[in-house]
Amino acid sequence: LQLVESGGGLVQPGGSLRLSCESSVWTLDTYTIGWFRQAPGKEREGISCISADSGNTYYADSVKGRFTISRDNAKNTVYLQMNNLKPDDTAVYYCAAPEVRYYYSDLLASYEYNYWGQGTQVTVSS
């Protein structure tokens, strides 16, 4: 499963970005997709996930109320809308999928995810 993230960039505090996760090779509509991030010197953090049918979503406390995960299975894309960005949101953002189709968990642990994109950099700075 090949995943590609896009949409990162430099934004001022309080600004917004929308990240995309897609695959040109595999259809994603039977996979839970998770978003993770890793800041320099910090451990990778799971921030949000969405089930294959969009019926279940989960957000880490650090992004709850500011980030929204969604998916458009017709476009084979999962989105992460990030609003009211803060300097602490600066990190490389990754999307990932588990090996088992339809597997869903609110745990958002890295070990549950087998396929990872290359990451996209998000920098929040004035």
Foldseek 3Di string as FASTA:
>chain_A
DAKAKDWADEAAAQAKIKMKIADPPDQCLQWKKWKWWDDPPDDIGTAKIAFSVRPDMEGDPVQPPFWDWDDDSVVRMIMIIGGRDDQVPWTWMKMFTAPDTRDDDNPRDPVRTDYIYPTDTHGYHD
